[in-house]
N, C-alpha and C. Protein backbone atom coordinates (compact mmCIF):
# COMPACT_ATOMS: atom_id res chain seq x y z
N MET A 1 24.79 -10.32 15.16
CA MET A 1 25.12 -9.18 14.60
C MET A 1 24.84 -9.08 13.04
N PHE A 2 25.23 -10.19 12.41
CA PHE A 2 24.94 -10.08 10.95
C PHE A 2 23.46 -9.78 10.84
N ARG A 3 22.67 -10.40 11.63
CA ARG A 3 21.16 -10.24 11.37
C ARG A 3 20.66 -8.87 11.65
N LEU A 4 21.32 -8.27 12.60
CA LEU A 4 21.02 -6.80 12.85
C LEU A 4 21.53 -5.94 11.95
N ILE A 5 22.61 -6.27 11.17
CA ILE A 5 22.98 -5.38 10.14
C ILE A 5 22.10 -5.53 9.02
N LEU A 6 21.59 -6.76 8.74
CA LEU A 6 20.67 -6.77 7.63
C LEU A 6 19.55 -6.27 7.93
N LEU A 7 18.85 -6.30 9.06
CA LEU A 7 17.60 -5.67 9.45
C LEU A 7 17.77 -4.06 9.22
N LEU A 8 18.98 -3.58 9.60
CA LEU A 8 19.10 -2.06 9.44
C LEU A 8 19.09 -1.76 8.12
N LEU A 9 19.98 -2.58 7.18
CA LEU A 9 19.91 -2.25 5.80
C LEU A 9 18.53 -2.34 5.20
N THR A 10 17.62 -3.36 5.69
CA THR A 10 16.38 -3.59 5.13
C THR A 10 15.53 -2.29 5.64
N LEU A 11 15.55 -1.90 6.74
CA LEU A 11 14.81 -0.71 7.30
C LEU A 11 15.38 0.63 6.33
N GLY A 12 16.46 0.74 6.34
CA GLY A 12 16.89 1.81 5.48
C GLY A 12 16.47 1.78 4.18
N SER A 13 16.52 0.74 3.36
CA SER A 13 16.09 0.69 1.89
C SER A 13 14.48 0.84 2.05
N LEU A 14 13.95 0.56 3.13
CA LEU A 14 12.41 0.90 2.96
C LEU A 14 12.36 2.37 3.24
N SER A 15 13.01 2.94 4.01
CA SER A 15 12.77 4.45 4.24
C SER A 15 13.24 5.17 3.03
N VAL A 16 14.23 4.63 2.37
CA VAL A 16 14.71 5.42 1.22
C VAL A 16 13.66 5.35 0.05
N ARG A 17 13.00 4.17 -0.10
CA ARG A 17 11.83 3.97 -1.06
C ARG A 17 10.70 4.79 -0.72
N ALA A 18 10.29 4.99 0.45
CA ALA A 18 9.17 5.68 1.06
C ALA A 18 9.47 7.16 0.62
N ASP A 19 10.58 7.73 0.99
CA ASP A 19 11.02 9.07 0.76
C ASP A 19 11.09 9.45 -0.93
N THR A 20 11.59 8.26 -1.69
CA THR A 20 11.54 8.54 -2.98
C THR A 20 10.14 8.68 -3.62
N CYS A 21 9.30 7.71 -3.00
CA CYS A 21 7.86 7.92 -3.38
C CYS A 21 7.22 8.94 -2.94
N ASP A 22 7.46 9.60 -1.96
CA ASP A 22 6.91 11.05 -1.51
C ASP A 22 7.46 12.02 -2.41
N ASP A 23 8.76 11.94 -2.78
CA ASP A 23 9.31 12.95 -3.59
C ASP A 23 8.69 13.02 -5.03
N LEU A 24 8.58 11.72 -5.48
CA LEU A 24 8.06 11.51 -6.75
C LEU A 24 6.61 12.03 -6.92
N PHE A 25 5.96 11.69 -5.95
CA PHE A 25 4.51 12.14 -5.98
C PHE A 25 4.39 13.70 -5.85
N LEU A 26 5.32 14.26 -5.06
CA LEU A 26 5.41 15.83 -4.96
C LEU A 26 5.71 16.30 -6.45
N LEU A 27 6.78 15.95 -7.05
CA LEU A 27 7.09 16.48 -8.37
C LEU A 27 5.98 16.31 -9.34
N ILE A 28 5.22 15.00 -9.19
CA ILE A 28 4.04 15.06 -10.14
C ILE A 28 3.12 16.15 -10.05
N ASN A 29 2.74 16.30 -8.80
CA ASN A 29 1.64 17.47 -8.28
C ASN A 29 2.26 18.85 -8.61
N GLN A 30 3.35 19.00 -8.40
CA GLN A 30 4.08 20.34 -8.80
C GLN A 30 3.91 20.55 -10.21
N GLU A 31 4.12 19.73 -10.95
CA GLU A 31 4.01 19.58 -12.42
C GLU A 31 2.49 20.02 -13.14
N ARG A 32 1.65 19.20 -12.28
CA ARG A 32 0.24 19.35 -12.60
C ARG A 32 -0.24 20.97 -12.21
N VAL A 33 0.03 21.28 -11.11
CA VAL A 33 -0.26 22.71 -10.84
C VAL A 33 0.34 23.72 -11.72
N GLN A 34 1.55 23.51 -12.21
CA GLN A 34 2.27 24.34 -12.88
C GLN A 34 1.53 24.46 -14.43
N ALA A 35 1.00 23.23 -14.82
CA ALA A 35 0.21 23.07 -16.00
C ALA A 35 -1.17 23.49 -15.84
N GLY A 36 -1.69 24.13 -14.84
CA GLY A 36 -2.98 24.52 -14.52
C GLY A 36 -4.10 23.45 -14.19
N LEU A 37 -3.46 22.30 -13.82
CA LEU A 37 -4.40 21.16 -13.22
C LEU A 37 -4.52 21.05 -11.78
N LYS A 38 -5.61 20.51 -11.37
CA LYS A 38 -5.59 20.01 -9.91
C LYS A 38 -4.43 19.22 -9.35
N PRO A 39 -4.02 19.28 -8.29
CA PRO A 39 -3.14 18.19 -7.91
C PRO A 39 -3.83 16.94 -7.66
N LEU A 40 -3.12 15.68 -7.74
CA LEU A 40 -3.71 14.51 -7.33
C LEU A 40 -3.81 14.15 -5.91
N THR A 41 -4.91 13.60 -5.71
CA THR A 41 -5.01 13.07 -4.28
C THR A 41 -4.31 11.86 -4.00
N ARG A 42 -3.61 11.74 -3.12
CA ARG A 42 -2.70 10.38 -2.84
C ARG A 42 -3.75 9.49 -2.42
N SER A 43 -3.55 8.22 -3.11
CA SER A 43 -4.54 7.15 -2.85
C SER A 43 -3.68 5.74 -2.43
N PRO A 44 -4.07 5.54 -0.76
CA PRO A 44 -3.34 4.30 -0.46
C PRO A 44 -3.63 3.03 -1.23
N LYS A 45 -4.78 3.03 -1.89
CA LYS A 45 -5.15 1.91 -2.81
C LYS A 45 -4.25 1.83 -3.96
N LEU A 46 -3.99 3.11 -4.61
CA LEU A 46 -3.24 3.17 -5.81
C LEU A 46 -1.83 3.04 -5.47
N ASP A 47 -1.26 3.51 -4.27
CA ASP A 47 0.00 3.38 -3.76
C ASP A 47 0.35 1.67 -3.77
N GLN A 48 -0.63 1.06 -3.13
CA GLN A 48 -0.62 -0.37 -3.05
C GLN A 48 -0.50 -1.07 -4.29
N LEU A 49 -1.28 -0.89 -5.32
CA LEU A 49 -1.19 -1.14 -6.65
C LEU A 49 0.06 -0.89 -7.33
N ALA A 50 0.40 0.27 -7.22
CA ALA A 50 1.83 0.55 -7.73
C ALA A 50 2.84 -0.40 -7.45
N SER A 51 2.82 -0.33 -5.93
CA SER A 51 3.94 -1.07 -5.19
C SER A 51 4.01 -2.40 -5.60
N GLU A 52 2.81 -3.08 -5.80
CA GLU A 52 2.64 -4.47 -6.00
C GLU A 52 3.23 -4.77 -7.37
N TRP A 53 2.92 -3.66 -8.29
CA TRP A 53 3.57 -4.07 -9.66
C TRP A 53 4.92 -3.82 -9.67
N ALA A 54 5.32 -2.86 -9.16
CA ALA A 54 6.83 -2.64 -9.15
C ALA A 54 7.63 -3.82 -8.42
N GLU A 55 6.95 -4.39 -7.48
CA GLU A 55 7.64 -5.59 -6.96
C GLU A 55 7.58 -6.85 -8.02
N VAL A 56 6.55 -7.00 -8.81
CA VAL A 56 6.38 -7.89 -9.81
C VAL A 56 7.63 -7.69 -10.82
N MET A 57 7.70 -6.42 -11.30
CA MET A 57 8.79 -6.03 -12.36
C MET A 57 10.01 -6.26 -11.56
N ALA A 58 10.38 -5.91 -10.37
CA ALA A 58 11.69 -6.25 -9.69
C ALA A 58 12.02 -7.62 -9.87
N SER A 59 10.83 -8.42 -9.24
CA SER A 59 11.25 -10.07 -9.16
C SER A 59 11.45 -10.43 -10.43
N LYS A 60 10.85 -10.12 -11.44
CA LYS A 60 11.31 -10.64 -12.91
C LYS A 60 12.48 -9.89 -13.65
N ASN A 61 12.86 -8.78 -12.96
CA ASN A 61 14.03 -8.01 -13.57
C ASN A 61 13.60 -7.56 -14.89
N SER A 62 12.43 -7.00 -15.12
CA SER A 62 11.71 -6.79 -16.45
C SER A 62 10.91 -5.46 -16.39
N GLN A 63 10.73 -5.18 -17.35
CA GLN A 63 9.80 -3.79 -17.53
C GLN A 63 8.53 -4.13 -18.40
N GLU A 64 7.44 -4.28 -17.73
CA GLU A 64 6.09 -4.56 -18.39
C GLU A 64 5.12 -4.02 -17.82
N HIS A 65 3.87 -3.77 -18.58
CA HIS A 65 2.65 -3.03 -17.92
C HIS A 65 1.99 -4.11 -17.38
N ARG A 66 1.03 -3.88 -16.39
CA ARG A 66 -0.03 -4.76 -15.70
C ARG A 66 -1.13 -4.91 -16.86
N PRO A 67 -1.51 -6.11 -16.95
CA PRO A 67 -2.68 -6.38 -17.64
C PRO A 67 -3.96 -5.56 -16.90
N LEU A 68 -4.53 -4.83 -17.72
CA LEU A 68 -5.80 -4.04 -17.45
C LEU A 68 -7.05 -5.03 -17.68
N SER A 69 -8.06 -4.83 -16.80
CA SER A 69 -9.01 -5.82 -16.91
C SER A 69 -10.27 -4.94 -16.18
N LYS A 70 -11.39 -5.59 -16.51
CA LYS A 70 -12.61 -4.75 -16.01
C LYS A 70 -12.64 -5.28 -14.50
N ALA A 71 -12.15 -6.49 -14.05
CA ALA A 71 -12.25 -6.66 -12.66
C ALA A 71 -11.26 -5.93 -11.85
N LEU A 72 -10.16 -5.69 -12.37
CA LEU A 72 -9.08 -4.81 -11.67
C LEU A 72 -9.68 -3.41 -11.41
N LEU A 73 -10.46 -2.79 -12.48
CA LEU A 73 -11.05 -1.43 -12.13
C LEU A 73 -12.30 -1.48 -11.26
N ASN A 74 -13.11 -2.64 -11.38
CA ASN A 74 -14.31 -2.66 -10.67
C ASN A 74 -13.83 -3.35 -9.25
N GLU A 75 -12.96 -4.03 -9.04
CA GLU A 75 -12.59 -4.38 -7.47
C GLU A 75 -12.02 -3.31 -6.94
N ASN A 76 -11.39 -2.27 -7.55
CA ASN A 76 -10.83 -1.16 -6.86
C ASN A 76 -11.51 0.12 -6.96
N GLY A 77 -12.80 0.00 -7.53
CA GLY A 77 -13.66 1.01 -7.52
C GLY A 77 -13.40 2.09 -8.57
N LEU A 78 -12.65 1.87 -9.57
CA LEU A 78 -11.97 2.78 -10.59
C LEU A 78 -12.86 2.88 -11.74
N LYS A 79 -12.91 4.05 -12.15
CA LYS A 79 -13.58 4.34 -13.55
C LYS A 79 -12.48 4.02 -14.79
N ASN A 80 -11.24 4.58 -14.36
CA ASN A 80 -10.19 4.47 -15.30
C ASN A 80 -9.00 4.20 -14.56
N LEU A 81 -7.85 3.90 -15.24
CA LEU A 81 -6.64 3.75 -14.56
C LEU A 81 -5.40 3.75 -15.65
N SER A 82 -4.60 4.92 -15.38
CA SER A 82 -3.45 5.06 -16.11
C SER A 82 -2.17 4.46 -15.39
N GLU A 83 -1.17 3.94 -16.19
CA GLU A 83 0.16 3.43 -15.63
C GLU A 83 1.27 3.77 -16.30
N ASN A 84 2.41 4.40 -15.58
CA ASN A 84 3.70 4.63 -16.02
C ASN A 84 4.56 3.68 -15.37
N ILE A 85 5.54 3.03 -16.16
CA ILE A 85 6.44 2.15 -15.43
C ILE A 85 7.88 2.71 -15.84
N TYR A 86 8.95 2.32 -15.08
CA TYR A 86 10.28 2.91 -15.00
C TYR A 86 11.02 1.66 -14.47
N GLY A 87 12.21 1.41 -15.26
CA GLY A 87 13.30 0.42 -14.76
C GLY A 87 13.12 -1.09 -15.50
N PRO A 88 13.87 -1.83 -15.16
CA PRO A 88 14.91 -1.66 -13.79
C PRO A 88 16.14 -0.95 -14.43
N VAL A 89 16.44 0.11 -13.71
CA VAL A 89 17.67 0.90 -13.95
C VAL A 89 18.49 1.21 -12.77
N GLN A 90 19.67 1.58 -12.65
CA GLN A 90 20.40 1.92 -11.37
C GLN A 90 19.96 3.21 -11.11
N ASN A 91 19.87 4.16 -11.66
CA ASN A 91 19.40 5.51 -11.13
C ASN A 91 17.93 5.58 -10.88
N GLY A 92 17.73 5.38 -9.54
CA GLY A 92 16.25 5.38 -9.07
C GLY A 92 15.96 6.64 -8.17
N SER A 93 16.46 7.81 -8.62
CA SER A 93 16.13 8.94 -7.82
C SER A 93 14.85 9.41 -8.24
N ALA A 94 14.08 10.16 -7.32
CA ALA A 94 12.71 10.74 -7.81
C ALA A 94 12.75 11.55 -9.23
N ARG A 95 13.84 12.24 -9.06
CA ARG A 95 14.03 13.31 -10.12
C ARG A 95 14.32 12.47 -11.48
N ALA A 96 15.28 11.49 -11.31
CA ALA A 96 15.53 10.71 -12.62
C ALA A 96 14.17 10.08 -13.27
N ILE A 97 13.34 9.46 -12.39
CA ILE A 97 12.00 8.89 -12.67
C ILE A 97 11.33 9.78 -13.27
N PHE A 98 11.16 10.93 -12.62
CA PHE A 98 10.14 12.01 -13.18
C PHE A 98 10.61 12.44 -14.57
N GLN A 99 11.93 12.73 -14.53
CA GLN A 99 12.46 13.33 -15.81
C GLN A 99 12.19 12.30 -17.12
N ALA A 100 12.45 11.11 -16.83
CA ALA A 100 12.25 10.04 -17.76
C ALA A 100 10.79 10.07 -18.31
N TRP A 101 9.83 10.09 -17.28
CA TRP A 101 8.36 10.16 -17.63
C TRP A 101 8.01 11.59 -18.70
N MET A 102 8.41 12.76 -17.99
CA MET A 102 8.12 13.84 -18.59
C MET A 102 8.78 14.14 -19.96
N GLY A 103 9.93 13.20 -20.23
CA GLY A 103 10.41 13.18 -21.48
C GLY A 103 9.76 12.28 -22.57
N SER A 104 8.60 11.72 -22.20
CA SER A 104 8.06 10.79 -22.95
C SER A 104 6.69 11.39 -23.25
N SER A 105 6.09 11.53 -24.30
CA SER A 105 4.73 12.29 -24.65
C SER A 105 3.73 11.40 -23.98
N GLY A 106 3.70 10.16 -24.12
CA GLY A 106 2.45 9.30 -23.54
C GLY A 106 2.59 9.29 -22.04
N HIS A 107 3.86 9.03 -21.38
CA HIS A 107 4.13 9.18 -20.11
C HIS A 107 3.66 10.50 -19.41
N ARG A 108 3.93 11.53 -20.11
CA ARG A 108 3.74 12.72 -19.70
C ARG A 108 2.29 13.00 -19.48
N GLY A 109 1.58 12.58 -20.66
CA GLY A 109 0.21 12.77 -20.82
C GLY A 109 -0.72 11.95 -19.63
N ASN A 110 0.01 10.86 -19.14
CA ASN A 110 -0.61 10.06 -17.90
C ASN A 110 -0.39 10.88 -16.70
N LEU A 111 0.59 11.64 -16.54
CA LEU A 111 0.76 12.29 -15.40
C LEU A 111 -0.09 13.69 -15.35
N LEU A 112 -0.37 14.08 -16.48
CA LEU A 112 -1.13 15.53 -16.63
C LEU A 112 -2.63 15.11 -17.22
N ARG A 113 -2.93 14.01 -16.90
CA ARG A 113 -4.41 13.71 -17.36
C ARG A 113 -5.31 14.27 -16.66
N ASP A 114 -6.39 15.23 -17.09
CA ASP A 114 -7.19 15.91 -16.60
C ASP A 114 -8.21 14.85 -15.66
N SER A 115 -8.28 13.78 -16.32
CA SER A 115 -9.46 12.87 -15.59
C SER A 115 -9.03 12.22 -14.59
N SER A 116 -7.92 12.19 -14.18
CA SER A 116 -7.32 11.72 -12.96
C SER A 116 -7.60 12.43 -11.90
N THR A 117 -7.94 12.04 -10.75
CA THR A 117 -8.26 12.75 -9.57
C THR A 117 -7.28 12.16 -8.46
N LEU A 118 -7.09 10.86 -8.56
CA LEU A 118 -6.15 9.98 -7.48
C LEU A 118 -4.83 9.50 -8.15
N GLY A 119 -3.85 9.38 -7.35
CA GLY A 119 -2.66 8.92 -7.70
C GLY A 119 -1.87 8.12 -6.77
N GLY A 120 -1.00 7.32 -7.28
CA GLY A 120 -0.11 6.36 -6.37
C GLY A 120 1.11 6.11 -7.08
N VAL A 121 2.06 5.87 -6.22
CA VAL A 121 3.51 5.60 -6.66
C VAL A 121 3.96 4.38 -5.95
N GLY A 122 4.73 3.59 -6.51
CA GLY A 122 5.45 2.50 -5.81
C GLY A 122 6.84 2.22 -6.43
N ILE A 123 7.81 1.83 -5.64
CA ILE A 123 9.06 1.59 -6.15
C ILE A 123 9.48 0.34 -5.50
N ALA A 124 10.37 -0.55 -6.20
CA ALA A 124 10.82 -1.77 -5.73
C ALA A 124 12.17 -2.04 -6.41
N ILE A 125 13.16 -2.74 -5.51
CA ILE A 125 14.40 -2.87 -5.86
C ILE A 125 14.81 -4.40 -6.41
N THR A 126 15.44 -4.60 -7.51
CA THR A 126 15.73 -5.92 -7.86
C THR A 126 17.04 -6.50 -6.93
N LYS A 127 17.22 -7.80 -7.01
CA LYS A 127 18.35 -8.35 -6.26
C LYS A 127 19.56 -7.59 -6.62
N SER A 128 19.92 -7.11 -7.91
CA SER A 128 20.93 -6.47 -8.34
C SER A 128 21.15 -5.10 -7.78
N GLY A 129 19.98 -4.61 -7.22
CA GLY A 129 19.87 -3.20 -6.80
C GLY A 129 19.39 -2.16 -7.76
N ALA A 130 18.82 -2.84 -8.93
CA ALA A 130 18.27 -1.73 -9.77
C ALA A 130 16.89 -1.30 -9.32
N VAL A 131 16.39 -0.36 -9.76
CA VAL A 131 15.02 0.41 -9.37
C VAL A 131 13.86 0.27 -10.38
N CYS A 132 12.83 -0.26 -9.89
CA CYS A 132 11.60 -0.26 -10.81
C CYS A 132 10.54 0.63 -9.98
N ALA A 133 9.85 1.51 -10.81
CA ALA A 133 8.94 2.24 -10.34
C ALA A 133 7.71 2.36 -11.14
N VAL A 134 6.53 2.53 -10.49
CA VAL A 134 5.23 2.52 -11.17
C VAL A 134 4.37 3.79 -10.51
N PHE A 135 3.76 4.51 -11.44
CA PHE A 135 2.77 5.37 -11.09
C PHE A 135 1.45 5.08 -11.81
N ASN A 136 0.43 5.14 -10.83
CA ASN A 136 -0.91 4.83 -11.22
C ASN A 136 -1.82 6.28 -11.01
N GLY A 137 -2.43 6.56 -12.06
CA GLY A 137 -3.40 7.65 -11.91
C GLY A 137 -4.89 7.06 -12.27
N ALA A 138 -5.78 7.67 -11.48
CA ALA A 138 -7.35 6.99 -11.81
C ALA A 138 -8.30 8.18 -11.29
N MET A 139 -9.39 7.71 -11.67
CA MET A 139 -10.74 8.28 -11.20
C MET A 139 -11.37 7.48 -10.38
N PRO A 140 -12.20 7.64 -9.40
CA PRO A 140 -13.18 6.73 -8.95
C PRO A 140 -14.14 6.50 -9.87
N ALA A 141 -14.83 5.12 -9.71
CA ALA A 141 -15.86 5.04 -10.40
C ALA A 141 -17.11 5.64 -9.60
N PRO A 142 -18.16 6.06 -10.46
CA PRO A 142 -19.43 6.70 -9.60
C PRO A 142 -19.95 5.60 -8.84
N PRO A 143 -20.50 6.01 -7.48
CA PRO A 143 -21.09 5.17 -6.81
C PRO A 143 -22.37 4.40 -7.61
N VAL A 144 -22.55 3.15 -7.17
CA VAL A 144 -23.72 2.33 -7.82
C VAL A 144 -24.83 2.68 -6.76
N THR A 145 -25.95 3.04 -7.57
CA THR A 145 -27.08 3.49 -6.80
C THR A 145 -28.16 2.32 -6.91
N PRO A 146 -29.10 2.21 -6.03
CA PRO A 146 -29.95 1.11 -6.23
C PRO A 146 -30.80 1.11 -7.51
N ALA A 147 -31.02 2.18 -8.41
CA ALA A 147 -31.58 2.07 -9.46
C ALA A 147 -30.69 1.58 -10.52
N THR A 148 -29.28 1.64 -10.47
CA THR A 148 -28.42 1.06 -11.27
C THR A 148 -28.21 -0.29 -11.05
N SER A 149 -28.43 -0.79 -9.72
CA SER A 149 -28.06 -1.93 -9.34
C SER A 149 -29.26 -3.03 -9.80
N THR A 150 -30.27 -2.59 -10.18
CA THR A 150 -31.30 -3.61 -10.77
C THR A 150 -30.75 -4.17 -11.80
N ASN A 151 -29.88 -3.48 -12.74
CA ASN A 151 -29.43 -3.99 -13.99
C ASN A 151 -28.15 -4.74 -13.87
N SER A 152 -28.13 -5.41 -12.72
CA SER A 152 -26.80 -6.11 -12.58
C SER A 152 -26.44 -7.24 -13.49
N ALA A 153 -27.54 -7.91 -14.01
CA ALA A 153 -27.01 -9.01 -15.10
C ALA A 153 -26.45 -8.37 -16.26
N GLN A 154 -27.13 -7.28 -16.70
CA GLN A 154 -26.71 -6.51 -17.90
C GLN A 154 -25.36 -5.72 -17.59
N ASP A 155 -25.16 -5.26 -16.29
CA ASP A 155 -23.94 -4.62 -15.92
C ASP A 155 -22.77 -5.51 -16.01
N SER A 156 -22.89 -6.91 -15.60
CA SER A 156 -21.69 -7.75 -15.57
C SER A 156 -20.98 -7.90 -16.85
N ASP A 157 -21.48 -7.55 -17.94
CA ASP A 157 -20.71 -7.80 -19.34
C ASP A 157 -19.94 -6.44 -19.60
N VAL A 158 -20.21 -5.26 -18.67
CA VAL A 158 -19.34 -4.16 -19.03
C VAL A 158 -18.45 -3.91 -17.85
N ALA A 159 -17.43 -2.84 -18.13
CA ALA A 159 -16.35 -2.51 -17.23
C ALA A 159 -16.85 -1.77 -16.13
N PHE A 160 -17.97 -0.94 -16.48
CA PHE A 160 -18.30 0.24 -15.54
C PHE A 160 -19.69 -0.24 -14.92
N PRO A 161 -19.84 -0.48 -13.50
CA PRO A 161 -21.11 -0.86 -13.25
C PRO A 161 -22.31 0.36 -13.41
N GLY A 162 -23.40 0.04 -13.71
CA GLY A 162 -24.56 1.08 -13.97
C GLY A 162 -24.60 1.58 -15.44
N ILE A 163 -23.72 1.17 -16.19
CA ILE A 163 -23.80 1.63 -17.44
C ILE A 163 -24.07 0.38 -18.43
N GLY A 164 -25.16 0.36 -19.07
CA GLY A 164 -25.44 -0.98 -19.82
C GLY A 164 -25.07 -0.36 -21.28
N LEU A 165 -24.73 -1.33 -22.08
CA LEU A 165 -24.58 -1.06 -23.62
C LEU A 165 -25.60 -1.83 -24.48
N PRO A 166 -25.92 -1.41 -25.41
CA PRO A 166 -27.05 -2.05 -26.26
C PRO A 166 -26.57 -3.38 -26.72
N ASP A 167 -27.39 -4.45 -26.75
CA ASP A 167 -27.08 -5.82 -27.38
C ASP A 167 -26.40 -5.90 -28.59
N PHE A 168 -26.70 -4.96 -29.61
CA PHE A 168 -26.18 -4.95 -30.73
C PHE A 168 -24.48 -4.50 -30.92
N VAL A 169 -23.99 -3.93 -29.82
CA VAL A 169 -22.57 -3.81 -29.68
C VAL A 169 -21.91 -5.14 -29.47
N PRO A 170 -20.87 -5.47 -30.36
CA PRO A 170 -20.09 -6.80 -30.17
C PRO A 170 -19.48 -6.97 -28.91
N LYS A 171 -19.53 -8.07 -28.35
CA LYS A 171 -18.92 -8.60 -27.00
C LYS A 171 -17.57 -7.79 -26.76
N PRO A 172 -16.53 -7.84 -27.46
CA PRO A 172 -15.26 -7.27 -27.41
C PRO A 172 -15.45 -5.77 -26.95
N MET A 173 -16.46 -5.22 -27.58
CA MET A 173 -16.49 -3.53 -27.36
C MET A 173 -17.34 -3.50 -26.30
N ARG A 174 -18.19 -4.32 -25.76
CA ARG A 174 -18.85 -4.18 -24.52
C ARG A 174 -17.96 -4.26 -23.22
N ASP A 175 -16.77 -4.79 -23.48
CA ASP A 175 -15.86 -4.83 -22.39
C ASP A 175 -14.54 -3.86 -22.77
N PRO A 176 -14.73 -2.52 -22.70
CA PRO A 176 -13.80 -1.64 -23.22
C PRO A 176 -12.44 -1.86 -22.42
N ALA A 177 -12.40 -2.09 -21.30
CA ALA A 177 -11.14 -2.38 -20.47
C ALA A 177 -10.41 -3.23 -20.91
N ALA A 178 -10.93 -4.37 -21.46
CA ALA A 178 -10.04 -5.58 -21.83
C ALA A 178 -9.40 -5.34 -23.18
N ALA A 179 -9.83 -4.36 -23.97
CA ALA A 179 -9.38 -4.11 -25.25
C ALA A 179 -8.55 -3.00 -25.23
N LEU A 180 -8.26 -2.22 -24.03
CA LEU A 180 -7.51 -0.81 -24.14
C LEU A 180 -6.24 -1.24 -23.53
N PRO A 181 -5.20 -0.50 -23.86
CA PRO A 181 -3.81 -0.69 -23.24
C PRO A 181 -4.03 -0.21 -21.70
N SER A 182 -3.06 -0.32 -20.73
CA SER A 182 -3.30 -0.08 -19.52
C SER A 182 -3.03 1.16 -19.08
N ASN A 183 -2.62 1.99 -20.01
CA ASN A 183 -2.39 3.54 -19.75
C ASN A 183 -3.84 4.42 -20.31
N SER A 184 -4.87 3.61 -20.66
CA SER A 184 -5.90 4.34 -21.41
C SER A 184 -6.92 4.57 -20.50
N ASP A 185 -7.63 5.92 -20.44
CA ASP A 185 -8.72 6.28 -19.99
C ASP A 185 -10.24 6.23 -20.60
N GLY A 186 -10.04 5.30 -21.62
CA GLY A 186 -11.36 5.08 -22.38
C GLY A 186 -11.49 5.88 -23.75
N ARG A 187 -10.18 6.36 -24.00
CA ARG A 187 -10.44 7.10 -25.43
C ARG A 187 -10.90 6.20 -26.70
N LYS A 188 -10.64 5.04 -26.66
CA LYS A 188 -10.95 4.26 -27.65
C LYS A 188 -12.65 3.97 -27.52
N LEU A 189 -13.34 4.36 -26.62
CA LEU A 189 -14.58 4.31 -26.66
C LEU A 189 -15.34 5.20 -27.54
N ASN A 190 -14.23 6.09 -28.02
CA ASN A 190 -14.83 7.06 -29.05
C ASN A 190 -15.51 6.46 -30.27
N GLN A 191 -15.00 5.02 -30.49
CA GLN A 191 -15.53 4.25 -31.76
C GLN A 191 -16.88 3.86 -31.41
N LEU A 192 -17.48 4.13 -30.27
CA LEU A 192 -18.73 3.89 -29.87
C LEU A 192 -19.55 5.17 -29.87
N GLY A 193 -18.79 6.25 -30.14
CA GLY A 193 -19.55 7.55 -30.10
C GLY A 193 -19.62 8.07 -28.57
N ARG A 194 -18.81 7.44 -27.73
CA ARG A 194 -19.04 7.86 -26.40
C ARG A 194 -17.62 8.13 -25.97
N THR A 195 -17.41 9.12 -24.89
CA THR A 195 -16.16 9.44 -24.45
C THR A 195 -16.02 9.23 -22.96
N ASN A 196 -14.99 8.79 -22.39
CA ASN A 196 -14.93 8.73 -20.86
C ASN A 196 -16.21 8.60 -20.25
N LEU A 197 -16.49 7.40 -20.16
CA LEU A 197 -17.85 7.11 -19.51
C LEU A 197 -17.71 7.37 -18.09
């Protein structure tokens, strides 16, 4: 009997989290449309990334950003990746999470980033019942064509396949993703005279 009750509570918790994720994604897209932007396409891959990171935060009972690397972008076929985090806090309603993000200019900017076309959300619960939430927005990387794949040795040094940088560019700047915060879409590349590769 105890196992049945535990199973029902677990299933109920999963359902609540899925509903909250759906409601949160709807609120984000409503705000984007109201701001004159295209709504994000829900990405199962970004939902998975967001859920995995929410689980990491919940397991540590902490709030921290995922380390951004060129490998993370390349493995997931992304050109950029923005991230909003929330929690761990007791009020984990979709409205509370959304309002917290909209109340911060950086988080609001991530939700309304014009260069993001895909989005995903994830929610996890700590042992004490606090809520951790993550939003990821991204743009898919352009497909690698045979013409660009011939430069694979050169491309292995940069975050975006098919785009080589001259040898005179210092190594840290050839890997823009490693030097950028996890909510970046490449704005620091302006130092190279380039924007949003």
